[in-house]
Amino acid sequence: MALLRSKGFSIVHTNFVCEQGELDIVARDGDELVFVEVRSRADDEHGDALDAIGPRKQKQVARVAQAYISIERPIFVTSRFDVVAQTGAELVHLVDAFRPHGP
């Protein structure tokens, strides 16, 4: 979260849970509502942390984001999906990392 705050993000929710699943971080970047998926791995022995965010996980995050919007009814202009991934000491923030398609 310190990385996001250092970039000017406001943290709205952490670990938002509903029956559809969980969102790691919901933040604001100006007028944009940002759903942030966080992944970490101690090392790259079993692949990079980014590898854990495939199409299936993206669809799951998108479903929970829709539920969040329905439940919390936030006011926002646009939204996007970011990823924060840490593999060992390497920390990466991908802005607009994916765009979910379909159900």
Protein backbone atom coordinates (compact mmCIF):
# COMPACT_ATOMS: atom_id res chain seq x y z
CA MET A 1 0.00 0.00 0.00
CA ALA A 2 2.94 2.32 0.61
CA LEU A 3 3.82 2.06 -3.09
CA LEU A 4 0.31 3.13 -4.12
CA ARG A 5 0.19 5.94 -1.58
CA SER A 6 3.58 7.20 -2.77
CA LYS A 7 2.03 7.50 -6.25
CA GLY A 8 -0.84 9.59 -4.91
CA PHE A 9 -3.49 6.87 -4.59
CA SER A 10 -6.07 6.99 -1.82
CA ILE A 11 -6.85 3.58 -0.33
CA VAL A 12 -10.61 3.03 -0.04
CA HIS A 13 -10.80 -0.63 1.04
CA THR A 14 -8.42 -3.45 1.76
CA ASN A 15 -9.49 -7.09 1.72
CA PHE A 16 -13.06 -6.37 0.63
CA VAL A 17 -14.97 -9.66 0.95
CA CYS A 18 -18.38 -10.62 -0.40
CA GLU A 19 -19.96 -13.88 -1.54
CA GLN A 20 -18.35 -13.52 -5.00
CA GLY A 21 -14.84 -13.40 -3.53
CA GLU A 22 -12.27 -10.88 -2.34
CA LEU A 23 -10.59 -7.74 -3.62
CA ASP A 24 -7.11 -7.06 -2.26
CA ILE A 25 -7.22 -3.28 -2.58
CA VAL A 26 -9.75 -0.76 -3.83
CA ALA A 27 -8.18 2.65 -4.34
CA ARG A 28 -8.73 5.98 -6.03
CA ASP A 29 -6.37 7.55 -8.50
CA GLY A 30 -8.00 10.93 -9.00
CA ASP A 31 -11.55 10.30 -10.26
CA GLU A 32 -10.66 6.74 -11.26
CA LEU A 33 -11.67 3.77 -9.12
CA VAL A 34 -8.83 1.24 -9.13
CA PHE A 35 -9.15 -2.44 -8.25
CA VAL A 36 -5.68 -3.68 -7.32
CA GLU A 37 -4.76 -7.36 -7.31
CA VAL A 38 -1.69 -8.09 -5.18
CA ARG A 39 0.56 -11.12 -5.64
CA SER A 40 3.87 -11.99 -4.03
CA ARG A 41 6.38 -14.81 -4.14
CA ALA A 42 9.53 -15.16 -2.09
CA ASP A 43 11.53 -15.99 -5.23
CA ASP A 44 11.04 -17.00 -8.84
CA GLU A 45 11.59 -20.73 -8.29
CA HIS A 46 7.95 -21.41 -9.21
CA GLY A 47 7.56 -18.50 -11.63
CA ASP A 48 7.07 -14.78 -11.35
CA ALA A 49 4.29 -13.41 -9.14
CA LEU A 50 2.72 -11.91 -12.28
CA ASP A 51 2.21 -15.45 -13.63
CA ALA A 52 -0.45 -16.02 -10.96
CA ILE A 53 -2.83 -13.51 -12.56
CA GLY A 54 -4.09 -15.36 -15.60
CA PRO A 55 -7.43 -15.06 -17.41
CA ARG A 56 -9.34 -17.06 -14.80
CA LYS A 57 -8.13 -14.85 -11.93
CA GLN A 58 -8.85 -11.73 -13.99
CA LYS A 59 -12.47 -12.83 -14.50
CA GLN A 60 -12.81 -13.56 -10.79
CA VAL A 61 -11.50 -10.11 -9.84
CA ALA A 62 -13.85 -8.50 -12.37
CA ARG A 63 -16.86 -10.34 -10.89
CA VAL A 64 -15.97 -9.18 -7.39
CA ALA A 65 -15.41 -5.63 -8.66
CA GLN A 66 -18.95 -5.64 -10.11
CA ALA A 67 -20.28 -6.84 -6.76
CA TYR A 68 -18.30 -4.12 -4.99
CA ILE A 69 -19.82 -1.45 -7.23
CA SER A 70 -23.33 -2.84 -6.62
CA ILE A 71 -22.85 -3.04 -2.85
CA GLU A 72 -20.85 0.11 -2.11
CA ARG A 73 -22.20 2.33 -4.92
CA PRO A 74 -19.07 4.47 -5.20
CA ILE A 75 -19.10 7.61 -7.31
CA PHE A 76 -16.43 7.45 -10.00
CA VAL A 77 -15.76 8.52 -13.56
CA THR A 78 -13.85 5.47 -14.79
CA SER A 79 -12.36 2.32 -13.34
CA ARG A 80 -9.44 0.05 -14.07
CA PHE A 81 -7.60 -3.03 -12.87
CA ASP A 82 -4.01 -2.69 -11.66
CA VAL A 83 -1.62 -5.36 -10.41
CA VAL A 84 1.07 -5.03 -7.76
CA ALA A 85 3.43 -8.01 -7.84
CA GLN A 86 6.50 -8.79 -5.81
CA THR A 87 8.89 -11.56 -6.71
CA GLY A 88 11.77 -11.62 -4.27
CA ALA A 89 12.95 -8.02 -3.91
CA GLU A 90 11.45 -6.90 -7.23
CA LEU A 91 8.25 -4.87 -6.82
CA VAL A 92 6.21 -4.08 -9.93
CA HIS A 93 3.08 -1.94 -10.34
CA LEU A 94 1.23 -2.53 -13.61
CA VAL A 95 -1.27 0.23 -14.32
CA ASP A 96 -4.35 -0.88 -16.30
CA ALA A 97 -2.91 -4.40 -16.21
CA PHE A 98 -5.91 -6.17 -17.71
CA ARG A 99 -9.35 -5.64 -19.10
CA PRO A 100 -11.78 -8.44 -18.38
CA HIS A 101 -13.93 -9.74 -21.23
CA GLY A 102 -17.29 -11.35 -20.71
CA PRO A 103 -18.58 -13.39 -17.75
